[in-house]
C-alpha cells in the first residue's frame, strides 16, 4: 500500500511538472 501510494504521488508530481513546463 505504501509503495503504491508513493508511486502514485511520484507519477502525479511528474505530470504536474510536465504541465507546468508546457505552460
Protein backbone atom coordinates (compact mmCIF):
# COMPACT_ATOMS: atom_id res chain seq x y z
CA UNK A 1 0.00 0.00 0.00
CA UNK A 2 2.72 2.43 1.00
CA UNK A 3 4.69 1.69 -2.16
CA UNK A 4 1.65 2.15 -4.38
CA UNK A 5 0.83 5.50 -2.79
CA UNK A 6 4.41 6.69 -3.21
CA UNK A 7 4.41 5.59 -6.85
CA UNK A 8 1.13 7.39 -7.47
CA UNK A 9 2.42 10.58 -5.87
CA UNK A 10 5.61 10.43 -7.95
CA UNK A 11 3.61 9.98 -11.16
CA UNK A 12 1.32 12.86 -10.23
CA UNK A 13 4.27 15.10 -9.41
CA UNK A 14 5.82 14.29 -12.79
CA UNK A 15 2.56 15.04 -14.61
CA UNK A 16 2.16 18.34 -12.76
CA UNK A 17 5.75 19.32 -13.51
CA UNK A 18 5.28 18.47 -17.18
CA UNK A 19 2.10 20.54 -17.37
CA UNK A 20 3.83 23.42 -15.63
CA UNK A 21 6.71 23.28 -18.11
CA UNK A 22 4.29 23.14 -21.05
CA UNK A 23 2.55 26.28 -19.82
